[in-house]
Protein backbone atom coordinates (compact mmCIF):
# COMPACT_ATOMS: atom_id res chain seq x y z
CA MET A 1 -26.61 -6.28 -0.75
CA SER A 2 -23.90 -7.12 1.93
CA ALA A 3 -23.23 -9.77 4.16
CA SER A 4 -25.20 -10.02 7.45
CA ARG A 5 -23.08 -8.73 10.21
CA SER A 6 -24.82 -10.94 12.91
CA LYS A 7 -24.17 -14.34 11.43
CA LEU A 8 -20.29 -13.51 10.82
CA VAL A 9 -17.82 -16.43 12.71
CA ASN A 10 -14.60 -15.12 13.40
CA PRO A 11 -11.87 -17.41 12.99
CA VAL A 12 -9.35 -17.90 16.10
CA SER A 13 -5.79 -17.93 15.84
CA LYS A 14 -3.39 -20.98 16.56
CA TRP A 15 -0.61 -19.12 16.94
CA GLU A 16 0.74 -17.95 20.21
CA ILE A 17 1.01 -14.01 20.21
CA PRO A 18 3.88 -12.20 22.03
CA GLN A 19 2.96 -9.58 24.14
CA ARG A 20 4.73 -6.92 22.39
CA LEU A 21 5.00 -8.87 19.08
CA VAL A 22 7.80 -7.74 16.64
CA ALA A 23 7.15 -8.31 13.03
CA ILE A 24 9.05 -6.78 9.74
CA LYS A 25 8.11 -6.43 6.48
CA ALA A 26 11.38 -8.11 4.71
CA TYR A 27 10.63 -7.01 1.21
CA GLY A 28 13.14 -6.75 -1.64
CA TRP A 29 16.92 -8.35 -1.41
CA ASP A 30 18.91 -5.42 -0.31
CA TRP A 31 19.60 -7.41 2.88
CA MET A 32 21.57 -9.89 0.09
CA ASN A 33 22.24 -7.59 -2.35
CA LYS A 34 23.40 -4.38 -0.54
CA PHE A 35 24.43 -5.67 3.14
CA GLY A 36 25.61 -9.29 1.80
CA LEU A 37 23.68 -11.66 4.23
CA SER A 38 23.20 -14.74 3.25
CA MET A 39 20.04 -17.02 3.73
CA ARG A 40 21.03 -18.36 7.28
CA GLU A 41 22.65 -15.13 8.20
CA GLY A 42 19.46 -13.13 7.50
CA ALA A 43 17.60 -15.44 9.40
CA ASP A 44 20.06 -14.95 12.28
CA SER A 45 20.27 -11.21 12.12
CA LEU A 46 16.21 -11.19 12.15
CA HIS A 47 16.08 -13.72 15.21
CA GLN A 48 18.48 -11.74 16.81
CA ASN A 49 17.07 -8.09 16.86
CA GLY A 50 13.70 -9.45 18.65
CA CYS A 51 11.58 -10.41 14.97
CA ASP A 52 8.76 -12.66 15.77
CA TRP A 53 6.84 -12.74 12.51
CA VAL A 54 8.47 -11.93 9.08
CA LEU A 55 6.64 -11.13 6.08
CA VAL A 56 8.75 -12.24 3.12
CA GLU A 57 8.20 -11.83 -0.76
CA ASN A 58 9.18 -14.61 -3.29
CA ARG A 59 9.82 -15.26 -6.91
CA ILE A 60 6.57 -17.62 -7.57
CA ASP A 61 4.27 -14.71 -6.97
CA PRO A 62 6.78 -11.80 -6.82
CA ARG A 63 5.91 -8.42 -5.41
CA VAL A 64 7.17 -6.37 -8.11
CA ILE A 65 6.63 -2.73 -7.09
CA ARG A 66 9.70 -0.41 -8.39
CA LEU A 67 9.84 2.04 -5.47
CA HIS A 68 13.38 0.49 -4.79
CA ASP A 69 14.36 -1.51 -7.85
CA ASP A 70 16.98 -3.95 -6.46
CA GLY A 71 17.54 -6.31 -9.26
CA GLY A 72 16.61 -9.45 -7.46
CA PRO A 73 18.44 -12.02 -5.45
CA GLN A 74 22.26 -11.45 -6.49
CA GLN A 75 23.51 -14.59 -4.02
CA LYS A 76 21.96 -18.25 -3.93
CA PHE A 77 18.59 -18.12 -3.09
CA ASP A 78 15.47 -20.47 -2.84
CA ASP A 79 12.13 -19.72 -1.88
CA ARG A 80 11.51 -22.61 0.22
CA THR A 81 14.78 -22.49 2.10
CA TRP A 82 14.43 -18.81 3.02
CA THR A 83 11.42 -19.60 4.39
CA ALA A 84 12.67 -23.00 6.28
CA GLU A 85 15.47 -20.78 8.06
CA LEU A 86 13.47 -18.43 9.23
CA GLN A 87 11.01 -20.91 10.56
CA ASN A 88 13.92 -23.36 11.77
CA ARG A 89 14.97 -19.94 14.24
CA GLY A 90 11.19 -19.76 15.57
CA LEU A 91 9.87 -17.11 13.65
CA ARG A 92 6.38 -17.51 11.85
CA VAL A 93 6.68 -16.55 8.52
CA LEU A 94 4.07 -15.12 6.03
CA GLN A 95 4.66 -15.13 2.23
CA THR A 96 3.37 -11.79 0.73
CA THR A 97 0.91 -11.53 -2.30
CA ALA A 98 0.34 -8.52 -4.04
CA MET A 99 -3.23 -9.04 -4.56
CA PHE A 100 -4.70 -6.47 -6.73
CA PHE A 101 -1.21 -5.09 -8.29
CA ASP A 102 0.45 -6.32 -11.15
CA ALA A 103 2.05 -3.99 -13.65
CA ALA A 104 3.09 -6.55 -16.01
CA ALA A 105 -0.84 -7.42 -16.29
CA TYR A 106 -2.17 -3.94 -15.94
CA ALA A 107 0.25 -3.01 -19.60
CA ASN A 108 -1.00 -5.80 -21.20
CA ASN A 109 -4.51 -6.52 -20.53
CA LEU A 110 -6.71 -2.83 -20.87
CA GLU A 111 -9.82 -4.74 -19.15
CA LEU A 112 -7.65 -4.59 -16.05
CA ARG A 113 -7.23 -1.19 -15.87
CA PRO A 114 -10.06 0.77 -13.58
CA VAL A 115 -11.94 3.27 -14.49
CA ASN A 116 -13.54 6.29 -12.30
CA GLN A 117 -16.74 7.86 -11.65
CA ARG A 118 -16.35 9.89 -14.84
CA GLY A 119 -15.50 7.22 -17.25
CA GLU A 120 -11.75 8.02 -17.06
CA THR A 121 -9.21 5.36 -16.96
CA ALA A 122 -6.56 5.74 -14.53
CA PRO A 123 -3.49 7.85 -15.05
CA GLU A 124 -0.18 6.30 -14.47
CA VAL A 125 1.30 7.98 -11.80
CA GLY A 126 4.59 7.19 -10.45
CA TRP A 127 4.77 3.42 -9.70
CA TYR A 128 1.10 2.77 -8.46
CA ARG A 129 -1.16 0.31 -11.30
CA GLY A 130 -4.18 -0.58 -9.61
CA ILE A 131 -6.31 -3.55 -10.84
CA ASN A 132 -9.74 -3.71 -11.30
CA PRO A 133 -11.06 -6.18 -8.66
CA THR A 134 -13.89 -7.63 -10.60
CA ASP A 135 -11.86 -9.28 -13.42
CA GLU A 136 -13.10 -13.14 -13.19
CA ARG A 137 -9.88 -14.15 -15.34
CA TYR A 138 -7.51 -12.14 -13.60
CA LEU A 139 -9.15 -13.21 -10.00
CA SER A 140 -8.47 -17.22 -10.98
CA TRP A 141 -5.35 -16.49 -12.27
CA LYS A 142 -4.02 -14.83 -9.20
CA ILE A 143 -5.32 -17.05 -6.87
CA ASP A 144 -3.96 -20.03 -8.61
CA LYS A 145 -0.61 -18.41 -8.57
CA ILE A 146 -1.05 -17.96 -4.48
CA CYS A 147 -2.03 -21.50 -3.95
CA SER A 148 0.96 -22.57 -6.09
CA MET A 149 3.17 -20.46 -4.16
CA VAL A 150 1.89 -21.72 -0.75
CA GLU A 151 2.26 -25.23 -1.68
CA LYS A 152 5.93 -24.56 -3.06
CA THR A 153 7.08 -22.39 -0.10
CA LYS A 154 5.14 -24.08 2.99
CA PRO A 155 4.49 -20.52 5.15
CA ASP A 156 2.93 -20.50 8.51
CA GLY A 157 0.86 -17.54 6.96
CA LEU A 158 -0.39 -15.32 4.01
CA PHE A 159 0.34 -11.41 3.76
CA VAL A 160 -2.41 -10.28 1.33
CA SER A 161 -1.52 -6.51 0.48
CA PHE A 162 -3.13 -4.42 -2.18
CA PHE A 163 -6.28 -6.05 -1.43
CA ARG A 164 -8.90 -3.26 -1.89
CA PHE A 165 -10.45 -1.35 -4.71
CA PRO A 166 -7.80 0.75 -6.74
CA GLY A 167 -6.40 4.23 -5.13
CA PHE A 168 -3.25 5.91 -4.76
CA TRP A 169 -3.67 6.33 -1.03
CA GLU A 170 -0.03 7.61 -0.25
CA LEU A 171 -0.97 10.82 -2.36
CA TRP A 172 -3.90 11.93 -0.31
CA LEU A 173 -2.43 14.17 2.16
CA PRO A 174 -4.08 16.61 4.94
CA SER A 175 -3.86 20.19 4.94
CA SER A 176 -0.71 21.76 6.62
CA ASP A 177 0.89 25.43 6.71
CA GLY A 178 0.95 26.55 2.96
CA PHE A 179 -0.89 23.13 1.73
CA ALA A 180 -4.28 23.04 0.89
CA GLY A 181 -4.27 19.40 1.18
CA THR A 182 -6.38 16.88 -0.74
CA SER A 183 -10.05 17.38 -0.70
CA ARG A 184 -12.22 14.29 -0.81
CA SER A 185 -13.58 15.61 -4.09
CA ALA A 186 -10.42 15.13 -5.91
CA ILE A 187 -10.16 11.32 -4.60
CA ASP A 188 -11.20 9.43 -7.84
CA ASP A 189 -13.52 6.56 -7.04
CA TYR A 190 -12.79 3.31 -9.06
CA GLY A 191 -15.19 0.45 -10.21
CA TYR A 192 -17.28 2.31 -12.76
CA ASP A 193 -16.44 0.27 -15.84
CA ARG A 194 -18.82 -1.70 -17.44
CA GLN A 195 -18.22 -5.35 -16.08
CA SER A 196 -18.68 -3.66 -12.51
CA ILE A 197 -21.47 -1.61 -13.09
CA GLU A 198 -23.22 -4.93 -14.24
CA LEU A 199 -22.16 -7.13 -11.48
CA PHE A 200 -23.48 -4.18 -9.35
CA GLU A 201 -26.99 -3.97 -11.05
CA GLU A 202 -27.09 -7.96 -10.94
CA CYS A 203 -26.67 -7.76 -7.25
CA LEU A 204 -29.36 -4.98 -6.91
CA GLY A 205 -31.57 -6.96 -8.91
CA TYR A 206 -32.81 -4.82 -11.53
CA GLU A 207 -31.01 -2.65 -14.45
CA ILE A 208 -30.41 0.81 -13.56
CA ASP A 209 -32.63 2.54 -15.59
CA GLU A 210 -30.95 5.32 -17.55
CA ARG A 211 -29.76 5.40 -21.44
CA ASP A 212 -25.96 4.50 -21.59
CA LEU A 213 -22.70 4.14 -18.93
CA GLU A 214 -22.19 7.60 -18.12
CA SER A 215 -25.97 7.90 -16.91
CA LYS A 216 -25.39 4.88 -14.96
CA ARG A 217 -22.02 6.33 -13.48
CA ARG A 218 -24.37 9.29 -12.52
CA ALA A 219 -26.80 7.36 -10.65
CA ILE A 220 -24.40 5.19 -8.89
CA SER A 221 -22.83 8.42 -7.72
CA HIS A 222 -25.55 10.11 -6.43
CA GLU A 223 -28.80 8.33 -5.30
CA LEU A 224 -27.22 4.66 -5.44
CA ARG A 225 -24.37 5.88 -3.47
CA GLN A 226 -25.31 3.97 -0.09
CA GLU A 227 -25.81 0.87 -2.03
CA TRP A 228 -22.58 1.27 -4.43
CA VAL A 229 -20.22 1.29 -1.22
CA ALA A 230 -22.18 -1.25 0.52
CA TRP A 231 -21.55 -3.53 -2.70
CA LYS A 232 -18.00 -2.53 -3.11
CA CYS A 233 -17.01 -3.71 0.30
CA ASN A 234 -18.87 -7.27 -0.11
CA THR A 235 -17.38 -7.46 -3.21
CA ILE A 236 -13.95 -7.50 -1.41
CA TYR A 237 -15.19 -9.60 1.55
CA GLU A 238 -16.66 -12.01 -0.94
CA ILE A 239 -13.14 -12.39 -2.72
CA ALA A 240 -11.54 -12.74 0.71
CA GLN A 241 -13.57 -16.05 1.59
CA ARG A 242 -12.75 -17.13 -2.07
CA LEU A 243 -9.12 -16.78 -1.40
CA ARG A 244 -9.10 -18.37 2.09
CA ARG A 245 -11.12 -21.28 0.73
CA GLU A 246 -8.43 -21.69 -1.72
CA VAL A 247 -5.58 -21.54 0.04
CA ARG A 248 -6.60 -23.81 2.83
CA SER A 249 -7.48 -26.45 0.31
CA VAL A 250 -3.66 -26.05 -0.46
CA LYS A 251 -2.55 -25.69 3.31
CA PRO A 252 -5.47 -26.23 6.15
CA ASP A 253 -3.64 -24.59 8.83
CA ILE A 254 -2.34 -21.61 6.75
CA GLU A 255 -3.74 -18.01 8.81
CA LEU A 256 -4.69 -14.86 6.79
CA MET A 257 -3.35 -11.20 7.52
CA LEU A 258 -4.83 -8.14 5.78
CA ASN A 259 -3.05 -5.26 4.67
CA GLY A 260 -5.15 -2.54 6.10
CA PHE A 261 -5.00 1.24 6.16
CA GLY A 262 -4.45 3.44 9.21
CA LEU A 263 -6.48 6.08 8.12
CA CYS A 264 -9.41 7.20 10.37
CA ASP A 265 -13.07 7.17 9.29
CA GLU A 266 -13.18 11.03 9.20
CA HIS A 267 -9.97 10.81 7.05
CA PHE A 268 -11.18 11.92 3.46
CA ASP A 269 -14.95 11.46 4.22
CA ASN A 270 -14.22 7.52 5.20
CA ALA A 271 -12.42 7.15 1.91
CA VAL A 272 -11.00 3.34 3.11
CA LYS A 273 -14.35 2.17 3.02
CA GLU A 274 -15.99 4.03 0.63
CA VAL A 275 -13.25 4.17 -2.11
CA LEU A 276 -11.26 1.37 -1.70
CA GLY A 277 -13.90 -1.09 0.23
CA GLN A 278 -12.61 -2.47 2.92
CA ASP A 279 -14.84 -3.26 5.66
CA LEU A 280 -12.88 -4.62 8.54
CA ARG A 281 -15.75 -5.75 10.62
CA LEU A 282 -17.01 -7.63 7.46
CA LEU A 283 -13.24 -8.86 6.85
CA SER A 284 -12.48 -10.20 10.57
CA SER A 285 -14.81 -13.45 9.59
CA VAL A 286 -11.63 -14.28 6.70
CA PHE A 287 -8.56 -12.67 8.19
CA GLU A 288 -6.85 -13.68 11.58
CA HIS A 289 -4.39 -10.62 11.56
CA PHE A 290 -4.64 -7.01 10.45
CA GLU A 291 -1.95 -4.77 9.86
CA LEU A 292 -2.99 -1.14 9.70
CA MET A 293 -0.08 1.12 7.82
CA PHE A 294 0.31 4.39 10.00
CA TYR A 295 3.17 5.53 7.57
CA PHE A 296 3.58 8.87 9.47
CA GLN A 297 6.10 10.37 7.31
CA ILE A 298 4.34 9.51 4.22
CA GLN A 299 0.99 10.66 5.09
CA LYS A 300 2.45 13.81 7.45
CA ARG A 301 0.73 12.79 10.37
CA ASP A 302 1.85 12.92 14.05
CA PRO A 303 2.02 9.43 15.24
CA ALA A 304 1.54 10.33 18.76
CA VAL A 305 -2.15 11.66 17.94
CA TRP A 306 -2.85 9.27 14.51
CA ILE A 307 -2.22 6.22 16.21
CA PRO A 308 -4.58 5.97 19.59
CA LYS A 309 -6.95 7.58 17.67
CA ARG A 310 -7.23 5.07 14.93
CA LEU A 311 -6.93 1.91 17.43
CA ALA A 312 -9.83 3.43 19.34
CA GLU A 313 -12.02 3.06 16.46
CA ILE A 314 -10.94 -0.40 15.56
CA GLU A 315 -11.49 -1.38 19.12
CA HIS A 316 -14.69 0.00 19.00
CA ASP A 317 -15.65 -1.32 15.22
CA LEU A 318 -14.82 -4.87 16.57
CA SER A 319 -15.72 -4.73 20.15
CA GLU A 320 -18.70 -7.24 19.73
CA LEU A 321 -16.77 -9.87 18.24
CA ASP A 322 -16.17 -13.41 19.78
CA HIS A 323 -12.56 -13.52 19.00
CA LYS A 324 -10.94 -10.37 17.71
CA PRO A 325 -8.02 -10.46 14.94
CA THR A 326 -4.17 -9.53 16.09
CA VAL A 327 -3.54 -6.01 15.02
CA LEU A 328 -0.11 -4.78 14.28
CA VAL A 329 0.67 -0.88 14.03
CA ASP A 330 2.47 -0.72 10.90
CA LEU A 331 5.46 1.85 11.29
CA GLN A 332 7.45 3.31 8.63
CA ALA A 333 10.98 3.28 9.50
CA GLY A 334 12.68 5.47 6.46
CA ALA A 335 11.38 8.22 4.62
CA GLU A 336 9.52 7.44 1.23
CA TYR A 337 8.40 9.39 -1.35
CA LEU A 338 10.96 12.21 -1.86
CA ASP A 339 11.16 11.63 -5.69
CA PRO A 340 10.07 15.23 -7.30
CA ILE A 341 7.51 14.06 -9.07
CA TYR A 342 5.69 13.53 -5.30
CA LYS A 343 7.44 16.89 -4.42
CA GLU A 344 3.69 18.35 -3.78
CA GLY A 345 3.03 18.11 0.52
CA GLU A 346 6.47 18.95 0.94
CA ARG A 347 7.26 15.64 3.25
CA ALA A 348 10.04 15.13 5.55
CA GLN A 349 13.19 14.15 3.92
CA ARG A 350 14.10 11.95 6.96
CA ILE A 351 12.06 9.95 10.01
CA SER A 352 14.22 11.10 13.67
CA ARG A 353 14.76 9.19 16.27
CA PHE A 354 12.39 11.12 18.00
CA GLU A 355 9.69 10.72 15.86
CA TRP A 356 10.26 6.71 15.83
CA ARG A 357 10.34 6.76 19.69
CA ALA A 358 7.06 8.56 19.77
CA ALA A 359 5.75 6.23 17.33
CA LEU A 360 6.31 3.12 19.48
CA GLN A 361 4.98 4.95 22.59
CA ALA A 362 2.07 5.72 21.09
CA THR A 363 1.51 2.14 20.38
CA ALA A 364 2.44 0.91 23.31
CA ALA A 365 -0.46 3.41 24.95
CA THR A 366 -3.22 1.27 22.72
CA SER A 367 -4.64 -2.26 22.46
CA ALA A 368 -2.69 -3.30 19.45
CA ASN A 369 -0.78 -6.32 20.05
CA GLY A 370 2.28 -5.42 18.67
CA VAL A 371 4.07 -3.40 15.65
CA LEU A 372 4.93 -4.23 11.81
CA VAL A 373 8.13 -2.58 10.43
CA TYR A 374 8.11 -1.38 7.26
CA SER A 375 10.79 -2.32 6.14
CA TRP A 376 13.74 -4.14 7.10
CA ARG A 377 16.06 -2.61 4.47
CA HIS A 378 15.29 0.61 6.83
CA LEU A 379 16.21 -0.97 9.85
CA LEU A 380 19.50 -2.54 8.33
CA THR A 381 20.40 1.02 6.95
CA ASP A 382 20.29 2.43 10.20
CA THR A 383 22.00 -0.16 12.42
CA ALA A 384 24.69 0.21 9.66
CA SER A 385 25.39 4.10 10.41
CA ASN A 386 24.52 3.14 14.10
CA GLY A 387 21.71 4.48 14.65
CA GLY A 388 19.31 3.57 17.18
CA PHE A 389 15.77 2.39 15.67
CA THR A 390 16.52 -1.54 16.44
CA ARG A 391 17.61 -0.76 19.98
CA ASP A 392 14.33 0.81 20.20
CA LEU A 393 12.30 -1.53 18.65
CA LEU A 394 14.08 -4.38 21.12
CA ALA A 395 13.26 -1.99 23.91
CA TYR A 396 9.42 -1.77 23.07
CA LYS A 397 9.26 -5.19 22.82
CA ASN A 398 10.82 -5.62 26.10
CA GLY A 399 8.26 -3.30 27.71
CA ASP A 400 10.51 -0.35 28.42
CA PHE A 401 7.96 1.88 26.55
CA GLU A 402 5.54 1.69 29.09
CA ALA A 403 1.72 2.56 28.35
CA ALA A 404 1.50 6.37 29.10
């Protein structure tokens, strides 16, 4: 049902890993359109502010997510030139792909829309449009697009985001005063479309002895639940292997980073594994680097408690590996999900400097290799208002935030 863990061979990164690594998600075009930076000036800014690795988007395989629609680059821009400007300053550049998120493909291909355990097609909520990961036609098209992007931009690495079964995890919230939180039963499990169930049956080696899809879904949700979770995790793992082979056929030295989660095993009954299909122990044999999203304002969690707890889990889960992946704590530097549609849960309207420093302090107290900041836009906004987030980031890098 799943890959034998005893046979996993973990890839070894050839990159030099700084002691307090600082990486930044340079998504969108605000750096150019709003702050007026050219490609050269943008690369200088990132380098001067202590960035070691930068995650960028491109126009070949665009990361089209409309939380902040900044209209695309409004100055002279070229994907390869931008990559080279950053590399010339000693930064590692990871091009970003949104593996199972594509609003246009979702809109134009009904078969890509995920189906839950009740046979319902996923509703369109906010910006999120998750893609069914078992569709072979989509997979071939997407991997070809990624390989073309890698060949043309020549990055050091590939950041694989939205690499999972669908789920709008940003809306899964803990309970708080006056708010009941998200129950596990309220979280839909996706992958119950006909083609996915047929693939699951092929993996089982027999057809589920039920009369119709509705009955099959009930059997999967109950007596076959353990096998189903193993199949989902192995499906994501096998796609990761395939993606790695294909991109390394184009650029043999490219390294891969996984878009992972800060949610702990106890959060929503291990929904990261059981719903989203991410098993980090399996995926460590494919990815040299992990980033874990600790979006504490979005998720309404205390970073000082949350980060050390999850990092301890990760350290335990990966303790038997000969070569451990780089682990980055992904911190948000600005408040998100403030539109009325996301009002439930009453998220904080801003991230204070106290909270930001607490998150950096918590990270310094763990085995994490460094931090990844979401996003450059937030840091530029903070700097423009004479805030201290970038200075704190440099202080973390220089060791001023000592482990508690």
